[in-house]
Amino acid sequence: MSTKYDLVDVCLIVNVCDGASLTRGAERTHMSTPAASARLRKVQDALGTQLFTRTSQGLLPTANGDIFIRHARLILAQIGELERELQASRATPSGSVRLFANTLAIAEFVPAALERFLLSFPGMSIDLHERASADIAKALRSGAADVGILSADMPDEGFHSVPYRTEHLVLVTRREHPLAANGPVRFVQTLGSDYVGLDEHASLQAFITNAAASEGMPMKLRIQAKNFEALCALVESGVGVGVIPASVARRHALQLQIDVVPLLDAWSVRVLKIGFRGLSAATEPSRALVEVLSADAYQGADC
C-alpha cells in the first residue's frame, strides 16, 4: 500500500478538527493557512472523500472525517508512547556486566551492593562468577571480566583498582573445644584437628588449603559444605573446625553453639579491592557498577 499522506498531514487534520478552523489548525501545526489548505486538499483527493464540511460553527468532520480522525488520534498516541519509551531507554543505561568475585566478597559484601545496583538500574543485568583472586586478575587483564573484586595482594597489571573492604578470617569450633580455650591461635596449631571445609570450587577453600600446604601440613578435611551455614552447623555438631570470615562467624554464633577464635596469621586479614579496566574504556554498565561498589567501600568493614 502506497503512503498517501504523512504524519504532518495527520497532525494537521486532528488540529483542524480540534480548532474547528483551517486557520487555527494551521497555527497549531506551525504552518501557513495556504500550506494547510493544500495539504488538506491533497489528502482528501488521495482518499477520494471530504473530511470536513463548513458550517456556522466552523469546519466540522464528515462521517468519513470522524473515522479518519479517530484512527489519527490512535496513531499519534502510539507515536507519543514510542517517543516516551525511547527517551526512557536513553535515560536508563542498559546492558550486562561480567563481575568476577572471590568467595569472601560474594558471601558477605556483594549481595547488598548488587541489590542496590539492580534496583537503581532496571535495564542492567549482572553475570556473576566466583573465582580465586589470581584468576580474577587474569580475567580482568584478558577482558573476560568487566569488574572484579579480588585480594589487594594482586598487582594492578593491565587493570585499575580502588580499595574496597577489609575482613578477618577466624577459626570456628564447637563450644568447649580445646582450641577455643586459650584465645587467639596460629593456623598451624589447628592443623592437627579435623576440618570442615567449603566446596572444592570455592576460592576461599583453595586459599586455606594452600595456607595449610605452606605450613607443610595437609588439612584433615572430613567433609566439604556447600555454604557457610552448613559449615557452621557441622562444626556445632563436632565434625571438625573451620575457617570463615569473622562477620559470618559472629552471625552464626548468635544461633549456634560455636566459638569464634581469632587467627594470629597475617594472611587472616583479607583486604579486598575493586578491579576494572580503565573507566574511559569501560562500558556504561561497568562504570555504573564500579561507582556503586566504590560508594559501598569500607562501610561495615571488620577492621
Foldseek 3Di string as FASTA:
>chain_A
DDDQADLLLLQLLLQCQVVLELCRSQVVSVHHSVVSVVSQVSVCVVVVHHQWDQDPVHTHGDPVVVVSNVVSVVVVVVVVVVVVVVVVPVVADAEEFEEEEAPQCVVPPPPVLVVVLCVVRVRYYYNYHHDAQVVQQVCQQVVVGAKYKYFPVDDQDNWDKDWFFKWFKWKKAAPPDPVQPPAAEAPQVQQVKEAEAAPPRHNVRVVVQVVCVVVVGGHNYPYHYHDPVVRNVCRNVPRIMYIDTPVSVVVVVVPGRMDIGGHPDPPRITTIMMIHHDPVPHDPSSVSSVVSSVVNGHVVHPD
